[in-house]
Amino acid sequence: FITTAYTSHPIPQCRASLSLYTALCTGPDGVHYWHKQYPYCGGVFQSPIDLQTQLLKYDPTMAPIGVWNYNLSGQEQLTLGNNGHAVKLSLPARMYISGLPHRYSAAQLHFHWGSPTLAAGSEHTVNGKRFAAEMHIVHFNSDKYANISVAADKSDGLAVLAVLIEVGEFNPAFDHFLKFINGVKYKDQRVQIPAFNVRSLLPARLDEYYRYDGSLTTPPCYPSVLWTVFRSPVTMSHRQFSMLSTALYSSSAQESASMPLNGNYRTLQKPDQRTILVSFLDGELGFQNGRLPVPASFLKYCWLLIIFASIKIYCIILMTHTHTHTHTHTHTHTV
């Protein structure tokens, strides 16, 4: 058994050197068999899902995500660990996010990623596109619950910030922990690392995101997560992705057969008639509810044309009226 990325619940380990999550892991303990031991895994409102345009609904009341106390001091120590199916970084509960119905305090962050030969391991996808990796910063409802273990099975218990990751430019933020990753190569290994500004791991824009109700992506799959998936992905270099996808093992150091840890993402779940709220209205979104998608930039351009045309018409009318008045006045004076 290994520990879930979210709570202390044990979950079954694959019996071959394959991912716990993907369809390749089809043994008795594989992803398609989770529901036999954990009924919620076969239930509704599961995560992750494909964020499809036809499921999106614009909500103008959704404010930018507020992140507080994310800029940690380098004098503080954080625990980096390998729990057998993800690399996880502990976070202090004084970190929290605002803009939600309750205060949600941080507990930890972890990653899901693809394989060294296939940089496609994000859990959420956007219109079918899978990204190289995905980061989850897990928070619990600290207004109502004492810790993440208590909150995990409550309907309003958890809030997760999800960041999609592409392979591209080097990202110095990820090196804060990647440079220590060889210290946690094997399951159950942990090291202390200096804290850093966790905000640097997030996209620049925190005002554009997808929002929906979902679940843990590992057993026991409780439908207790308010998901916030940021629209803009961040990047990591090919070298950084290679470190993440090749350095770790899901087996312990004592086991004779080392099992590489990669491809640790759950397969997509059914939308179950859920509406995905979005805080943005441009690009491919445009109008929803049966209307054709119209880019917001085009709409703004149309509005500017209408305003400009209105001003021009007003000026023409005004000039015509002034000219007519002047001509009439002159004619009267001459007579």
Protein backbone atom coordinates (compact mmCIF):
# COMPACT_ATOMS: atom_id res chain seq x y z
CA PHE A 1 0.00 0.00 0.00
CA ILE A 2 1.08 3.56 -0.63
CA THR A 3 -0.20 6.87 0.64
CA THR A 4 -2.52 9.01 -1.40
CA ALA A 5 -1.32 12.42 -2.56
CA TYR A 6 -4.06 14.12 -0.55
CA THR A 7 -4.61 12.27 2.72
CA SER A 8 -3.23 9.45 4.82
CA HIS A 9 -5.56 6.84 3.28
CA PRO A 10 -3.66 3.83 1.90
CA ILE A 11 -4.15 2.93 -1.75
CA PRO A 12 -3.05 -0.21 -3.59
CA GLN A 13 0.29 -0.35 -5.36
CA CYS A 14 0.51 -1.67 -8.91
CA ARG A 15 2.10 -5.09 -9.08
CA ALA A 16 4.18 -4.22 -12.14
CA SER A 17 6.43 -1.30 -13.01
CA LEU A 18 3.50 0.61 -14.44
CA SER A 19 1.58 3.67 -13.34
CA LEU A 20 -1.05 3.34 -10.64
CA TYR A 21 -3.30 5.63 -12.67
CA THR A 22 -3.18 4.89 -16.38
CA ALA A 23 -5.03 2.25 -18.35
CA LEU A 24 -1.74 0.37 -18.69
CA CYS A 25 -2.01 -0.60 -15.05
CA THR A 26 -4.75 -3.21 -15.55
CA GLY A 27 -3.87 -5.66 -12.79
CA PRO A 28 -6.13 -6.38 -9.80
CA ASP A 29 -4.94 -3.18 -8.12
CA GLY A 30 -5.16 -1.00 -11.24
CA VAL A 31 -7.15 2.16 -11.78
CA HIS A 32 -10.14 0.32 -13.26
CA TYR A 33 -10.43 -1.74 -10.08
CA TRP A 34 -10.24 1.10 -7.57
CA HIS A 35 -14.03 1.17 -7.17
CA LYS A 36 -14.09 -2.40 -5.82
CA GLN A 37 -12.32 -1.28 -2.66
CA TYR A 38 -13.29 2.41 -2.80
CA PRO A 39 -16.89 2.85 -4.07
CA TYR A 40 -16.55 6.61 -4.57
CA CYS A 41 -14.01 5.93 -7.33
CA GLY A 42 -16.83 4.47 -9.42
CA GLY A 43 -19.31 7.19 -8.48
CA VAL A 44 -20.27 10.58 -9.87
CA PHE A 45 -18.52 13.96 -9.88
CA GLN A 46 -15.11 12.38 -10.26
CA SER A 47 -11.89 14.07 -11.37
CA PRO A 48 -10.03 14.77 -13.58
CA ILE A 49 -12.16 15.77 -16.57
CA ASP A 50 -11.67 17.21 -20.04
CA LEU A 51 -12.38 20.95 -19.92
CA GLN A 52 -14.46 21.11 -23.09
CA THR A 53 -15.71 24.37 -24.58
CA GLN A 54 -19.33 23.17 -24.71
CA LEU A 55 -19.30 22.61 -20.92
CA LEU A 56 -18.07 26.12 -20.07
CA LYS A 57 -20.18 28.90 -18.65
CA TYR A 58 -18.85 32.40 -18.06
CA ASP A 59 -19.39 33.74 -14.54
CA PRO A 60 -18.56 37.47 -14.26
CA THR A 61 -18.65 37.30 -10.44
CA MET A 62 -15.58 35.10 -10.18
CA ALA A 63 -12.79 37.21 -8.70
CA PRO A 64 -9.03 36.68 -9.08
CA ILE A 65 -7.63 34.03 -6.75
CA GLY A 66 -5.98 35.62 -3.73
CA VAL A 67 -2.92 33.80 -2.38
CA TRP A 68 -1.69 34.80 1.05
CA ASN A 69 1.59 34.10 2.88
CA TYR A 70 2.89 32.18 -0.13
CA ASN A 71 6.23 34.01 0.00
CA LEU A 72 7.99 31.79 2.52
CA SER A 73 11.31 32.61 4.12
CA GLY A 74 14.40 30.67 3.05
CA GLN A 75 15.15 30.23 6.74
CA GLU A 76 12.15 27.91 7.00
CA GLN A 77 12.37 24.22 6.15
CA LEU A 78 9.86 22.22 4.09
CA THR A 79 9.66 18.44 3.78
CA LEU A 80 10.07 17.02 0.28
CA GLY A 81 9.03 13.39 0.01
CA ASN A 82 8.38 10.48 -2.33
CA ASN A 83 5.26 8.60 -1.24
CA GLY A 84 5.51 5.98 -3.97
CA HIS A 85 3.24 7.60 -6.52
CA ALA A 86 4.10 11.31 -6.45
CA VAL A 87 6.68 13.77 -5.23
CA LYS A 88 5.11 15.87 -2.48
CA LEU A 89 6.13 19.07 -0.72
CA SER A 90 4.63 19.90 2.66
CA LEU A 91 3.29 23.44 3.14
CA PRO A 92 2.53 25.46 6.30
CA ALA A 93 -1.13 26.07 7.13
CA ARG A 94 -0.58 29.84 7.41
CA MET A 95 -0.59 29.85 3.61
CA TYR A 96 -4.16 30.24 2.41
CA ILE A 97 -6.31 31.32 -0.50
CA SER A 98 -9.17 33.82 -0.55
CA GLY A 99 -12.11 34.42 -2.85
CA LEU A 100 -13.94 31.23 -1.86
CA PRO A 101 -16.88 30.76 0.53
CA HIS A 102 -14.47 29.68 3.27
CA ARG A 103 -10.83 30.12 4.18
CA TYR A 104 -8.80 27.28 2.71
CA SER A 105 -5.37 26.71 4.22
CA ALA A 106 -2.51 24.98 2.43
CA ALA A 107 -1.39 21.46 3.27
CA GLN A 108 0.90 20.31 0.47
CA LEU A 109 1.63 20.36 -3.23
CA HIS A 110 2.44 17.49 -5.54
CA PHE A 111 2.87 16.70 -9.23
CA HIS A 112 1.52 14.40 -11.92
CA TRP A 113 3.56 13.87 -15.07
CA GLY A 114 4.08 11.77 -18.17
CA SER A 115 6.99 9.52 -19.13
CA PRO A 116 10.50 10.37 -20.35
CA THR A 117 9.46 9.48 -23.90
CA LEU A 118 6.00 11.08 -23.79
CA ALA A 119 5.62 14.51 -22.19
CA ALA A 120 1.87 14.17 -21.70
CA GLY A 121 0.91 13.54 -18.09
CA SER A 122 -1.44 16.25 -16.89
CA GLU A 123 -4.61 15.00 -15.23
CA HIS A 124 -6.93 17.65 -16.64
CA THR A 125 -7.06 18.20 -20.37
CA VAL A 126 -8.36 21.18 -22.37
CA ASN A 127 -10.46 20.21 -25.37
CA GLY A 128 -8.59 16.92 -25.48
CA LYS A 129 -5.11 18.40 -25.15
CA ARG A 130 -2.99 16.78 -22.44
CA PHE A 131 -0.10 18.81 -21.06
CA ALA A 132 3.31 17.53 -19.96
CA ALA A 133 2.56 17.70 -16.24
CA GLU A 134 0.23 19.18 -13.65
CA MET A 135 0.83 20.64 -10.20
CA HIS A 136 -1.77 20.52 -7.43
CA ILE A 137 -1.61 22.81 -4.42
CA VAL A 138 -3.97 21.22 -1.91
CA HIS A 139 -5.86 23.30 0.66
CA PHE A 140 -8.41 22.33 3.30
CA ASN A 141 -11.36 24.24 4.77
CA SER A 142 -9.73 25.55 7.94
CA ASP A 143 -12.85 27.51 8.92
CA LYS A 144 -14.64 24.25 9.65
CA TYR A 145 -12.08 21.46 9.98
CA ALA A 146 -8.95 20.95 12.06
CA ASN A 147 -6.78 19.40 9.35
CA ILE A 148 -6.80 17.88 5.88
CA SER A 149 -7.55 14.35 7.11
CA VAL A 150 -10.74 15.51 8.80
CA ALA A 151 -11.74 17.65 5.82
CA ALA A 152 -10.99 15.11 3.08
CA ASP A 153 -14.42 13.42 2.96
CA LYS A 154 -16.53 16.56 3.52
CA SER A 155 -18.40 18.09 0.60
CA ASP A 156 -16.79 21.49 1.28
CA GLY A 157 -13.57 20.05 2.64
CA LEU A 158 -10.91 20.69 0.01
CA ALA A 159 -9.88 23.27 -2.58
CA VAL A 160 -7.11 22.51 -5.06
CA LEU A 161 -5.25 24.95 -7.30
CA ALA A 162 -4.20 23.11 -10.45
CA VAL A 163 -1.44 24.40 -12.73
CA LEU A 164 -0.90 22.91 -16.18
CA ILE A 165 2.76 22.57 -17.20
CA GLU A 166 4.27 22.62 -20.68
CA VAL A 167 7.82 21.75 -21.72
CA GLY A 168 9.40 24.99 -22.90
CA GLU A 169 11.51 27.67 -21.27
CA PHE A 170 13.57 26.99 -18.17
CA ASN A 171 11.64 27.85 -15.00
CA PRO A 172 13.83 28.76 -12.02
CA ALA A 173 10.90 28.29 -9.61
CA PHE A 174 10.89 24.51 -10.11
CA ASP A 175 14.59 24.23 -9.33
CA HIS A 176 13.83 25.17 -5.72
CA PHE A 177 12.91 21.52 -5.17
CA LEU A 178 14.16 19.71 -8.29
CA LYS A 179 17.77 20.20 -7.19
CA PHE A 180 16.95 18.05 -4.14
CA ILE A 181 15.00 15.37 -5.99
CA ASN A 182 17.81 12.81 -5.91
CA GLY A 183 17.39 12.75 -2.14
CA VAL A 184 13.92 11.25 -2.55
CA LYS A 185 14.55 8.80 -5.37
CA TYR A 186 12.82 5.95 -3.55
CA LYS A 187 9.46 5.49 -1.86
CA ASP A 188 9.23 6.83 1.72
CA GLN A 189 12.40 8.91 1.43
CA ARG A 190 12.21 12.49 2.69
CA VAL A 191 14.55 15.46 2.84
CA GLN A 192 14.32 18.93 4.32
CA ILE A 193 14.70 21.78 1.83
CA PRO A 194 14.75 25.58 2.23
CA ALA A 195 11.37 27.23 1.77
CA PHE A 196 10.83 29.66 -1.10
CA ASN A 197 8.19 31.88 -2.71
CA VAL A 198 5.52 29.34 -3.69
CA ARG A 199 3.74 32.06 -5.67
CA SER A 200 6.54 31.76 -8.24
CA LEU A 201 5.19 28.32 -9.20
CA LEU A 202 1.86 29.80 -10.29
CA PRO A 203 0.99 31.52 -13.57
CA ALA A 204 1.31 35.30 -13.73
CA ARG A 205 -2.45 35.67 -14.18
CA LEU A 206 -4.58 34.39 -11.32
CA ASP A 207 -7.77 35.93 -12.70
CA GLU A 208 -8.33 33.42 -15.51
CA TYR A 209 -9.35 29.94 -14.44
CA TYR A 210 -11.79 27.05 -14.73
CA ARG A 211 -13.87 26.13 -11.66
CA TYR A 212 -15.87 22.98 -11.00
CA ASP A 213 -16.84 20.52 -8.25
CA GLY A 214 -14.94 17.27 -8.39
CA SER A 215 -13.02 14.68 -6.43
CA LEU A 216 -9.68 13.42 -5.26
CA THR A 217 -7.87 11.81 -8.19
CA THR A 218 -6.61 8.97 -5.99
CA PRO A 219 -8.52 6.57 -3.73
CA PRO A 220 -10.72 6.99 -1.83
CA CYS A 221 -11.84 9.47 -4.56
CA TYR A 222 -14.04 11.53 -2.23
CA PRO A 223 -16.13 14.09 -4.20
CA SER A 224 -14.93 16.82 -1.86
CA VAL A 225 -12.76 19.08 -4.05
CA LEU A 226 -13.50 22.54 -5.37
CA TRP A 227 -11.17 22.61 -8.36
CA THR A 228 -9.54 25.76 -9.71
CA VAL A 229 -7.58 25.00 -12.89
CA PHE A 230 -5.64 28.02 -14.12
CA ARG A 231 -6.12 28.79 -17.78
CA SER A 232 -2.51 29.78 -18.51
CA PRO A 233 0.05 26.98 -18.31
CA VAL A 234 3.54 27.50 -16.94
CA THR A 235 6.68 26.03 -18.45
CA MET A 236 9.59 23.90 -17.38
CA SER A 237 12.59 23.09 -19.52
CA HIS A 238 13.20 19.72 -21.15
CA ARG A 239 15.97 19.11 -18.62
CA GLN A 240 13.66 19.90 -15.72
CA PHE A 241 10.94 17.62 -17.06
CA SER A 242 13.52 14.89 -17.58
CA MET A 243 14.59 15.21 -13.94
CA LEU A 244 10.99 14.88 -12.79
CA SER A 245 10.16 11.93 -15.05
CA THR A 246 13.35 9.87 -14.65
CA ALA A 247 14.74 10.50 -11.17
CA LEU A 248 12.07 8.81 -9.07
CA TYR A 249 11.01 5.26 -8.27
CA SER A 250 7.73 3.98 -6.87
CA SER A 251 9.61 1.17 -5.13
CA SER A 252 11.61 1.43 -1.93
CA ALA A 253 15.40 1.34 -1.81
CA GLN A 254 15.28 -2.15 -0.25
CA GLU A 255 13.35 -3.73 -3.12
CA SER A 256 15.46 -5.67 -5.61
CA ALA A 257 13.41 -4.56 -8.62
CA SER A 258 13.25 -0.79 -8.98
CA MET A 259 10.00 0.49 -10.46
CA PRO A 260 10.21 3.88 -12.26
CA LEU A 261 7.71 6.48 -11.12
CA ASN A 262 6.12 8.15 -14.14
CA GLY A 263 2.80 8.35 -15.94
CA ASN A 264 1.16 8.98 -12.56
CA TYR A 265 -2.10 10.50 -13.74
CA ARG A 266 -5.66 9.24 -13.47
CA THR A 267 -7.67 8.61 -16.62
CA LEU A 268 -10.35 11.15 -17.55
CA GLN A 269 -13.72 10.83 -15.83
CA LYS A 270 -17.24 11.52 -17.10
CA PRO A 271 -18.49 15.13 -16.95
CA ASP A 272 -21.73 13.90 -15.31
CA GLN A 273 -23.66 16.92 -16.61
CA ARG A 274 -21.45 19.28 -14.64
CA THR A 275 -21.10 22.89 -15.68
CA ILE A 276 -17.58 24.26 -15.63
CA LEU A 277 -17.54 27.92 -14.65
CA VAL A 278 -14.89 30.17 -16.15
CA SER A 279 -13.72 33.63 -15.14
CA PHE A 280 -12.67 34.69 -18.64
CA LEU A 281 -14.54 35.58 -21.82
CA ASP A 282 -12.22 35.62 -24.78
CA GLY A 283 -10.25 33.36 -27.07
CA GLU A 284 -12.32 30.32 -27.99
CA LEU A 285 -14.96 30.84 -25.32
CA GLY A 286 -17.04 33.81 -26.47
CA PHE A 287 -20.77 33.46 -25.91
CA GLN A 288 -22.08 30.17 -24.58
CA ASN A 289 -25.51 28.56 -24.15
CA GLY A 290 -26.00 27.56 -27.76
CA ARG A 291 -24.54 30.63 -29.44
CA LEU A 292 -21.56 30.49 -31.71
CA PRO A 293 -18.23 31.13 -30.00
CA VAL A 294 -17.17 34.72 -30.64
CA PRO A 295 -13.75 36.01 -29.52
CA ALA A 296 -14.06 38.81 -26.99
CA SER A 297 -11.45 40.83 -28.88
CA PHE A 298 -13.76 40.84 -31.90
CA LEU A 299 -16.67 41.91 -29.71
CA LYS A 300 -14.63 44.78 -28.31
CA TYR A 301 -13.70 45.79 -31.87
CA CYS A 302 -17.38 45.75 -32.86
CA TRP A 303 -18.32 47.92 -29.90
CA LEU A 304 -15.60 50.41 -30.80
CA LEU A 305 -16.89 50.55 -34.38
CA ILE A 306 -20.44 51.15 -33.13
CA ILE A 307 -19.29 53.90 -30.79
CA PHE A 308 -17.14 55.50 -33.50
CA ALA A 309 -19.99 55.30 -36.03
CA SER A 310 -22.43 56.80 -33.51
CA ILE A 311 -20.09 59.72 -32.83
CA LYS A 312 -19.57 60.27 -36.55
CA ILE A 313 -23.33 60.24 -37.25
CA TYR A 314 -23.90 62.65 -34.37
CA CYS A 315 -21.23 65.01 -35.76
CA ILE A 316 -22.75 64.87 -39.26
CA ILE A 317 -26.22 65.64 -37.87
CA LEU A 318 -24.82 68.47 -35.78
CA MET A 319 -22.90 69.93 -38.73
CA THR A 320 -25.94 69.63 -40.99
CA HIS A 321 -28.14 71.33 -38.44
CA THR A 322 -25.58 74.13 -37.93
CA HIS A 323 -25.19 74.64 -41.69
CA THR A 324 -28.95 74.73 -42.21
CA HIS A 325 -29.42 77.19 -39.36
CA THR A 326 -26.64 79.46 -40.71
CA HIS A 327 -28.03 79.35 -44.27
CA THR A 328 -31.52 80.23 -43.05
CA HIS A 329 -30.22 83.07 -40.91
CA THR A 330 -28.21 84.51 -43.82
CA HIS A 331 -31.13 84.27 -46.21
CA THR A 332 -33.40 86.06 -43.75
CA HIS A 333 -30.83 88.84 -43.19
CA THR A 334 -30.48 89.38 -46.98
CA VAL A 335 -34.21 89.65 -47.48
